Amino acid sequence: MVVAAAAAVVGVGVYLHPPECVGALLDSHPFLCLAAYCTAATGLACVLGGSGSPRRVDPKGKAVFITGCDSGFGQRLALRLDDLGFVVFAGCLATDREGAQQLKKKGSPRLHVVELNVTDDWQVQRAHNYVTEHLQDAELWAVVNNAGVGLVCEIEWCSVDQFQRIMDVNVLGVVRVTKAFLPLLRYSKGRVINVASLAGRLTLPMYAAYSMSKKSVVAFSDALRQEMAKFGVSVISIEPGLYKTNIAVADPYIDSNKRSWSETPTDIKEDYGEEYFNEALTKIRNSFDRARDQVDEVIEQMELAVCSETPRYRYVPYWRSYIRSEILRYLPTAWTDKIFAATSPRVKPQFIKRQESQREFKRQGSLQEFRRQFSFKSQ
């Protein structure tokens, strides 16, 4: 925090009120000017984001409702909070599947498994009724909107139905659950914790639909935080990068792309070509192979969001990811486009190859015509 504060002060001071010699240097070296701006922005983000209170709330008499507990972050968080002594309501897509059964087996009697599909209004209301009936002497302290799905696909072979589905789960699911439980959180002065993503701040090729959904979650969290402040209800955003969980496995995304590609109009497929499409699949696999193994980094941040007396409004697991994302957000768009282009297939689409071939054909034709005319004049 001290380093962040120093970075903020120095960065802002140099950028807004540079000494004469430094000002001349910044004018002649725009990159240094940008670096000062990034330093200030990153430092301020760290300071204004706060470190959260090291003091923790007493879990006794407090309940937490978590969506998406079938596996991954949600399941781990449910078991962690149960171990800490919270009453936990774990929303699972199906209570008879392995994930829900594992929670029932490993959890204490305080852990309740609740059937929940966040895209179904009736199931959300039924989950609300169950929580209300089983709180007993506890109060609802936190709602963790963790349920989500992923989608990695180029826009031209991604169907509108796929866009609709990811928005319904990742965005409207958050809205449905939050609206259902806000009245209970007002009484406890509790908190809403929304699992967004760094994709909600930065957008890469092939991540259009997923990034759209997570940007929406970030916007929803920002507005809700401001609206709930008058009630003493905190709203927190968790923004992890790519971690090895159930939705960060390459094979399902590759299979989904193959299905989408098979349904794509022929003229579009001809413009991209099979070589480009196969390279895109390779890029998808490579990106998931680089996902971080340290899932506990995320669980620790989620736990802090639930347990801190005065939580931060934003948690980004792994400090290097946080610094990197903050710098990238303030770089010129032309720069980030070039950086992110490395994640796109390097193979040229067939459409570009055809154009280049046509230009080369015309060039050769013009050259041959010039030679013919020159030869005729020489005779």
Protein backbone atom coordinates (compact mmCIF):
# COMPACT_ATOMS: atom_id res chain seq x y z
CA MET A 1 0.00 0.00 0.00
CA VAL A 2 2.87 2.39 0.82
CA VAL A 3 4.50 1.64 -2.53
CA ALA A 4 1.19 2.14 -4.33
CA ALA A 5 0.64 5.46 -2.59
CA ALA A 6 4.14 6.59 -3.49
CA ALA A 7 3.61 5.56 -7.11
CA ALA A 8 0.37 7.49 -7.21
CA VAL A 9 1.85 10.65 -5.74
CA VAL A 10 4.99 10.59 -7.88
CA GLY A 11 3.15 9.62 -11.04
CA VAL A 12 0.45 12.25 -10.68
CA GLY A 13 2.96 14.92 -9.66
CA VAL A 14 5.26 14.26 -12.59
CA TYR A 15 2.41 14.00 -15.06
CA LEU A 16 0.43 17.08 -13.98
CA HIS A 17 3.16 19.39 -12.63
CA PRO A 18 6.54 18.32 -14.02
CA PRO A 19 9.64 20.34 -13.20
CA GLU A 20 11.02 22.28 -16.17
CA CYS A 21 13.72 19.73 -17.01
CA VAL A 22 11.37 16.79 -16.58
CA GLY A 23 8.68 18.55 -18.60
CA ALA A 24 11.07 18.96 -21.52
CA LEU A 25 11.99 15.30 -21.27
CA LEU A 26 8.32 14.24 -21.31
CA ASP A 27 7.61 16.47 -24.30
CA SER A 28 10.47 14.97 -26.26
CA HIS A 29 9.79 11.39 -25.13
CA PRO A 30 6.06 10.58 -25.28
CA PHE A 31 6.72 7.08 -24.01
CA LEU A 32 7.99 8.48 -20.70
CA CYS A 33 4.88 10.62 -20.51
CA LEU A 34 2.78 7.49 -21.00
CA ALA A 35 4.82 5.65 -18.37
CA ALA A 36 4.17 8.44 -15.86
CA TYR A 37 0.48 8.26 -16.64
CA CYS A 38 0.41 4.47 -16.22
CA THR A 39 2.36 4.72 -12.96
CA ALA A 40 -0.10 7.26 -11.62
CA ALA A 41 -3.12 5.29 -12.79
CA THR A 42 -1.87 2.00 -11.35
CA GLY A 43 -0.85 3.56 -8.06
CA LEU A 44 -4.16 5.36 -7.71
CA ALA A 45 -6.06 2.18 -8.55
CA CYS A 46 -4.24 0.35 -5.77
CA VAL A 47 -4.82 3.17 -3.28
CA LEU A 48 -8.42 3.94 -4.13
CA GLY A 49 -9.27 0.25 -4.39
CA GLY A 50 -8.15 -0.09 -0.81
CA SER A 51 -6.54 -3.10 0.77
CA GLY A 52 -9.63 -4.05 2.71
CA SER A 53 -9.76 -4.46 6.46
CA PRO A 54 -7.55 -7.16 7.99
CA ARG A 55 -10.26 -7.57 10.62
CA ARG A 56 -12.76 -10.32 9.93
CA VAL A 57 -16.40 -10.70 10.73
CA ASP A 58 -17.60 -13.41 13.09
CA PRO A 59 -19.17 -16.17 10.92
CA LYS A 60 -21.50 -17.23 13.72
CA GLY A 61 -25.10 -16.48 12.76
CA LYS A 62 -24.17 -15.51 9.20
CA ALA A 63 -25.25 -17.27 6.01
CA VAL A 64 -23.84 -17.10 2.49
CA PHE A 65 -25.64 -18.02 -0.74
CA ILE A 66 -23.36 -19.08 -3.62
CA THR A 67 -24.35 -19.88 -7.21
CA GLY A 68 -22.48 -22.25 -9.52
CA CYS A 69 -21.24 -24.68 -6.86
CA ASP A 70 -21.23 -27.80 -9.05
CA SER A 71 -17.44 -27.45 -9.41
CA GLY A 72 -14.59 -24.96 -9.61
CA PHE A 73 -14.53 -21.72 -7.64
CA GLY A 74 -18.06 -22.11 -6.29
CA GLN A 75 -17.58 -25.59 -4.87
CA ARG A 76 -14.25 -24.73 -3.25
CA LEU A 77 -15.61 -21.54 -1.74
CA ALA A 78 -18.68 -23.32 -0.34
CA LEU A 79 -16.49 -25.87 1.46
CA ARG A 80 -14.06 -23.18 2.66
CA LEU A 81 -16.81 -21.02 4.17
CA ASP A 82 -18.45 -24.08 5.69
CA ASP A 83 -15.14 -24.90 7.41
CA LEU A 84 -14.99 -21.34 8.74
CA GLY A 85 -18.40 -21.71 10.40
CA PHE A 86 -20.76 -19.94 8.00
CA VAL A 87 -24.15 -21.36 7.10
CA VAL A 88 -23.74 -22.05 3.36
CA PHE A 89 -26.43 -22.38 0.71
CA ALA A 90 -24.72 -23.86 -2.36
CA GLY A 91 -26.62 -23.46 -5.60
CA CYS A 92 -26.08 -26.35 -8.01
CA LEU A 93 -27.54 -26.92 -11.45
CA ALA A 94 -28.61 -30.42 -10.47
CA THR A 95 -28.59 -31.84 -6.93
CA ASP A 96 -28.18 -35.44 -8.11
CA ARG A 97 -24.92 -34.87 -10.01
CA GLU A 98 -21.39 -35.53 -8.76
CA GLY A 99 -20.61 -31.94 -7.75
CA ALA A 100 -23.65 -31.62 -5.50
CA GLN A 101 -23.07 -35.08 -4.05
CA GLN A 102 -19.47 -34.13 -3.18
CA LEU A 103 -20.73 -31.08 -1.29
CA LYS A 104 -23.21 -33.18 0.66
CA LYS A 105 -20.49 -35.70 1.48
CA LYS A 106 -17.75 -33.24 2.50
CA GLY A 107 -19.84 -30.48 4.03
CA SER A 108 -21.15 -30.12 7.56
CA PRO A 109 -24.88 -29.99 8.45
CA ARG A 110 -24.62 -26.20 7.98
CA LEU A 111 -24.09 -26.67 4.23
CA HIS A 112 -27.32 -26.83 2.19
CA VAL A 113 -27.32 -27.86 -1.47
CA VAL A 114 -29.99 -25.97 -3.40
CA GLU A 115 -31.06 -26.76 -6.96
CA LEU A 116 -30.64 -23.64 -9.08
CA ASN A 117 -30.55 -22.72 -12.74
CA VAL A 118 -29.89 -18.97 -12.77
CA THR A 119 -31.65 -18.60 -16.14
CA ASP A 120 -34.95 -19.81 -14.66
CA ASP A 121 -36.98 -17.18 -12.77
CA TRP A 122 -39.04 -19.83 -11.01
CA GLN A 123 -35.97 -21.70 -9.73
CA VAL A 124 -34.42 -18.46 -8.48
CA GLN A 125 -37.58 -17.68 -6.53
CA ARG A 126 -37.72 -21.24 -5.20
CA ALA A 127 -34.09 -20.94 -4.02
CA HIS A 128 -34.97 -17.65 -2.31
CA ASN A 129 -37.88 -19.31 -0.53
CA TYR A 130 -35.67 -22.20 0.59
CA VAL A 131 -33.02 -19.85 1.99
CA THR A 132 -35.63 -17.78 3.81
CA GLU A 133 -37.18 -20.86 5.38
CA HIS A 134 -33.85 -22.38 6.48
CA LEU A 135 -32.03 -19.31 7.80
CA GLN A 136 -33.49 -19.92 11.24
CA ASP A 137 -31.49 -17.68 13.62
CA ALA A 138 -28.92 -16.70 10.99
CA GLU A 139 -28.96 -13.65 8.73
CA LEU A 140 -28.08 -13.66 5.05
CA TRP A 141 -24.67 -12.02 5.05
CA ALA A 142 -23.51 -12.46 1.43
CA VAL A 143 -24.65 -13.52 -2.01
CA VAL A 144 -21.86 -14.74 -4.30
CA ASN A 145 -22.83 -14.69 -7.99
CA ASN A 146 -20.34 -17.24 -9.26
CA ALA A 147 -22.35 -19.22 -11.86
CA GLY A 148 -21.07 -18.66 -15.38
CA VAL A 149 -20.25 -20.21 -18.73
CA GLY A 150 -17.44 -19.52 -21.18
CA LEU A 151 -17.30 -19.00 -24.93
CA VAL A 152 -14.22 -18.59 -27.13
CA CYS A 153 -15.10 -18.17 -30.78
CA GLU A 154 -14.58 -15.72 -33.64
CA ILE A 155 -17.64 -13.53 -34.15
CA GLU A 156 -18.39 -14.58 -37.74
CA TRP A 157 -18.83 -18.24 -36.85
CA CYS A 158 -20.40 -17.62 -33.44
CA SER A 159 -24.19 -17.80 -33.61
CA VAL A 160 -26.55 -15.23 -32.12
CA ASP A 161 -28.00 -18.04 -29.98
CA GLN A 162 -24.57 -18.52 -28.41
CA PHE A 163 -24.37 -14.81 -27.62
CA GLN A 164 -27.85 -14.94 -26.08
CA ARG A 165 -27.04 -17.96 -23.91
CA ILE A 166 -23.87 -16.53 -22.42
CA MET A 167 -25.59 -13.22 -21.66
CA ASP A 168 -28.53 -15.04 -20.06
CA VAL A 169 -26.26 -17.02 -17.71
CA ASN A 170 -23.43 -14.61 -17.02
CA VAL A 171 -25.38 -11.35 -16.93
CA LEU A 172 -29.10 -11.85 -16.47
CA GLY A 173 -28.43 -14.71 -14.06
CA VAL A 174 -26.53 -12.25 -11.86
CA VAL A 175 -29.38 -9.75 -12.13
CA ARG A 176 -32.06 -12.35 -11.28
CA VAL A 177 -30.30 -13.70 -8.21
CA THR A 178 -29.25 -10.29 -6.91
CA LYS A 179 -32.72 -8.76 -7.20
CA ALA A 180 -34.24 -11.76 -5.45
CA PHE A 181 -31.95 -11.54 -2.40
CA LEU A 182 -31.35 -7.80 -1.99
CA PRO A 183 -34.22 -7.34 0.53
CA LEU A 184 -32.56 -9.87 2.87
CA LEU A 185 -29.15 -8.22 2.46
CA ARG A 186 -30.58 -4.82 3.37
CA TYR A 187 -31.57 -6.12 6.80
CA SER A 188 -28.10 -7.56 7.47
CA LYS A 189 -26.17 -4.74 5.78
CA GLY A 190 -24.43 -7.56 3.97
CA ARG A 191 -22.76 -7.76 0.60
CA VAL A 192 -23.12 -8.85 -3.02
CA ILE A 193 -20.02 -10.48 -4.53
CA ASN A 194 -20.00 -10.81 -8.31
CA VAL A 195 -17.44 -13.00 -10.04
CA ALA A 196 -16.46 -11.07 -13.15
CA SER A 197 -13.12 -11.47 -14.94
CA LEU A 198 -10.17 -9.54 -16.28
CA ALA A 199 -11.98 -10.11 -19.58
CA GLY A 200 -14.42 -7.54 -18.21
CA ARG A 201 -11.62 -4.94 -18.45
CA LEU A 202 -9.68 -6.18 -21.50
CA THR A 203 -10.98 -7.85 -24.66
CA LEU A 204 -8.99 -10.30 -26.77
CA PRO A 205 -9.79 -11.75 -30.20
CA MET A 206 -12.21 -14.70 -30.00
CA TYR A 207 -13.43 -13.53 -26.58
CA ALA A 208 -16.09 -11.10 -27.78
CA ALA A 209 -19.13 -12.84 -26.27
CA TYR A 210 -17.43 -13.75 -22.98
CA SER A 211 -15.89 -10.31 -22.59
CA MET A 212 -19.22 -8.62 -23.34
CA SER A 213 -20.83 -10.62 -20.55
CA LYS A 214 -18.12 -9.86 -18.00
CA LYS A 215 -18.00 -6.16 -18.89
CA SER A 216 -21.73 -6.16 -18.18
CA VAL A 217 -21.13 -7.74 -14.78
CA VAL A 218 -18.53 -5.05 -13.99
CA ALA A 219 -20.96 -2.30 -15.03
CA PHE A 220 -23.78 -3.88 -13.02
CA SER A 221 -21.50 -4.12 -9.97
CA ASP A 222 -20.44 -0.48 -10.27
CA ALA A 223 -24.00 0.80 -10.50
CA LEU A 224 -25.30 -1.51 -7.76
CA ARG A 225 -22.46 -0.52 -5.42
CA GLN A 226 -23.43 3.14 -5.72
CA GLU A 227 -27.15 2.43 -5.35
CA MET A 228 -26.73 0.14 -2.32
CA ALA A 229 -24.33 2.43 -0.43
CA LYS A 230 -27.26 4.23 1.19
CA PHE A 231 -28.38 0.92 2.72
CA GLY A 232 -24.94 -0.06 3.94
CA VAL A 233 -24.79 -3.00 1.49
CA SER A 234 -21.34 -3.58 -0.06
CA VAL A 235 -20.90 -4.70 -3.66
CA ILE A 236 -17.63 -6.37 -4.62
CA SER A 237 -16.24 -7.56 -7.94
CA ILE A 238 -13.86 -10.54 -8.18
CA GLU A 239 -11.84 -10.36 -11.41
CA PRO A 240 -9.58 -13.38 -11.96
CA GLY A 241 -7.57 -14.14 -15.05
CA LEU A 242 -7.58 -17.59 -16.62
CA TYR A 243 -7.35 -20.41 -14.07
CA LYS A 244 -7.62 -24.16 -14.55
CA THR A 245 -11.20 -24.84 -13.56
CA ASN A 246 -14.06 -26.73 -15.18
CA ILE A 247 -14.74 -23.90 -17.65
CA ALA A 248 -11.06 -23.51 -18.54
CA VAL A 249 -10.59 -26.81 -20.37
CA ALA A 250 -9.83 -26.58 -24.09
CA ASP A 251 -11.71 -29.61 -25.46
CA PRO A 252 -15.29 -28.35 -24.90
CA TYR A 253 -14.44 -25.04 -26.60
CA ILE A 254 -12.82 -26.80 -29.54
CA ASP A 255 -15.87 -29.06 -29.93
CA SER A 256 -18.16 -26.03 -29.72
CA ASN A 257 -16.15 -24.26 -32.42
CA LYS A 258 -16.34 -27.29 -34.68
CA ARG A 259 -20.13 -27.38 -34.31
CA SER A 260 -20.40 -23.65 -34.98
CA TRP A 261 -18.09 -23.94 -37.98
CA SER A 262 -20.19 -26.74 -39.47
CA GLU A 263 -23.27 -24.48 -39.25
CA THR A 264 -21.52 -21.42 -40.69
CA PRO A 265 -22.59 -20.33 -44.21
CA THR A 266 -20.34 -21.71 -46.94
CA ASP A 267 -19.28 -18.31 -48.27
CA ILE A 268 -17.98 -17.26 -44.84
CA LYS A 269 -16.10 -20.54 -44.39
CA GLU A 270 -14.54 -20.04 -47.82
CA ASP A 271 -13.38 -16.56 -46.82
CA TYR A 272 -11.57 -17.94 -43.75
CA GLY A 273 -10.52 -21.35 -45.00
CA GLU A 274 -9.88 -24.60 -43.14
CA GLU A 275 -6.23 -23.74 -42.51
CA TYR A 276 -7.19 -20.56 -40.66
CA PHE A 277 -9.91 -22.35 -38.69
CA ASN A 278 -7.54 -25.11 -37.59
CA GLU A 279 -4.98 -22.51 -36.50
CA ALA A 280 -7.72 -20.84 -34.43
CA LEU A 281 -8.36 -24.15 -32.66
CA THR A 282 -4.63 -24.44 -31.92
CA LYS A 283 -4.63 -20.94 -30.43
CA ILE A 284 -7.57 -21.87 -28.19
CA ARG A 285 -5.79 -24.96 -26.90
CA ASN A 286 -2.57 -23.02 -26.29
CA SER A 287 -4.39 -20.31 -24.31
CA PHE A 288 -5.98 -22.84 -21.95
CA ASP A 289 -2.70 -24.71 -21.57
CA ARG A 290 -1.28 -21.47 -20.10
CA ALA A 291 -4.03 -21.14 -17.48
CA ARG A 292 -2.79 -20.78 -13.90
CA ASP A 293 -2.91 -23.83 -11.64
CA GLN A 294 -3.08 -21.85 -8.40
CA VAL A 295 -6.88 -21.80 -8.04
CA ASP A 296 -6.53 -21.13 -4.31
CA GLU A 297 -5.42 -17.60 -5.20
CA VAL A 298 -8.97 -16.92 -6.33
CA ILE A 299 -10.60 -18.68 -3.39
CA GLU A 300 -8.53 -16.62 -0.95
CA GLN A 301 -9.71 -13.39 -2.57
CA MET A 302 -13.33 -14.57 -2.57
CA GLU A 303 -12.97 -15.48 1.09
CA LEU A 304 -11.63 -12.00 1.86
CA ALA A 305 -14.58 -10.44 0.04
CA VAL A 306 -16.95 -12.41 2.29
CA CYS A 307 -15.05 -12.11 5.56
CA SER A 308 -13.41 -8.67 5.67
CA GLU A 309 -15.18 -6.10 7.82
CA THR A 310 -14.52 -3.44 5.19
CA PRO A 311 -13.89 -5.23 1.90
CA ARG A 312 -12.34 -3.72 -1.20
CA TYR A 313 -14.68 -3.04 -4.08
CA ARG A 314 -12.48 -5.01 -6.49
CA TYR A 315 -10.26 -8.07 -6.02
CA VAL A 316 -7.85 -9.27 -8.72
CA PRO A 317 -6.11 -12.53 -7.74
CA TYR A 318 -2.36 -12.61 -8.41
CA TRP A 319 -0.72 -9.20 -8.17
CA ARG A 320 1.13 -9.46 -11.49
CA SER A 321 -2.17 -9.92 -13.31
CA TYR A 322 -3.48 -6.81 -11.60
CA ILE A 323 -0.50 -4.62 -12.55
CA ARG A 324 -0.41 -5.98 -16.09
CA SER A 325 -4.13 -5.39 -16.64
CA GLU A 326 -3.95 -1.84 -15.26
CA ILE A 327 -1.09 -0.92 -17.56
CA LEU A 328 -2.76 -2.47 -20.61
CA ARG A 329 -5.96 -0.54 -19.90
CA TYR A 330 -4.11 2.77 -20.24
CA LEU A 331 -1.99 1.99 -23.27
CA PRO A 332 -3.10 3.45 -26.63
CA THR A 333 -5.60 1.23 -28.44
CA ALA A 334 -3.25 0.85 -31.40
CA TRP A 335 -0.66 -0.66 -29.04
CA THR A 336 -3.00 -3.08 -27.30
CA ASP A 337 -4.40 -4.18 -30.67
CA LYS A 338 -0.90 -5.17 -31.73
CA ILE A 339 -0.21 -6.91 -28.42
CA PHE A 340 -3.47 -8.86 -28.50
CA ALA A 341 -3.02 -9.73 -32.19
CA ALA A 342 -0.51 -12.33 -31.02
CA THR A 343 -3.46 -14.39 -29.74
CA SER A 344 -5.03 -14.52 -33.22
CA PRO A 345 -4.17 -17.10 -35.89
CA ARG A 346 -1.09 -16.07 -37.86
CA VAL A 347 -2.33 -17.89 -40.95
CA LYS A 348 -3.85 -15.53 -43.50
CA PRO A 349 -7.58 -16.08 -44.19
CA GLN A 350 -8.36 -17.46 -47.62
CA PHE A 351 -10.06 -14.18 -48.56
CA ILE A 352 -6.77 -12.29 -48.11
CA LYS A 353 -4.86 -14.92 -50.04
CA ARG A 354 -7.30 -14.64 -52.96
CA GLN A 355 -6.96 -10.86 -53.00
CA GLU A 356 -3.18 -11.07 -52.95
CA SER A 357 -3.28 -13.65 -55.73
CA GLN A 358 -5.53 -11.43 -57.85
CA ARG A 359 -3.27 -8.42 -57.32
CA GLU A 360 -0.24 -10.50 -58.27
CA PHE A 361 -2.05 -11.76 -61.37
CA LYS A 362 -2.88 -8.18 -62.41
CA ARG A 363 0.68 -7.08 -61.72
CA GLN A 364 2.09 -9.90 -63.84
CA GLY A 365 -0.43 -9.11 -66.59
CA SER A 366 0.54 -5.44 -66.57
CA LEU A 367 4.21 -6.37 -66.67
CA GLN A 368 3.68 -8.68 -69.61
CA GLU A 369 1.72 -5.96 -71.46
CA PHE A 370 4.49 -3.43 -70.82
CA ARG A 371 7.10 -5.86 -72.15
CA ARG A 372 5.01 -6.58 -75.24
CA GLN A 373 4.56 -2.89 -76.02
CA PHE A 374 8.24 -2.15 -75.38
CA SER A 375 9.23 -5.03 -77.66
CA PHE A 376 6.87 -3.77 -80.40
CA LYS A 377 8.31 -0.23 -80.23
CA SER A 378 11.85 -1.59 -80.37
CA GLN A 379 11.06 -3.35 -83.63
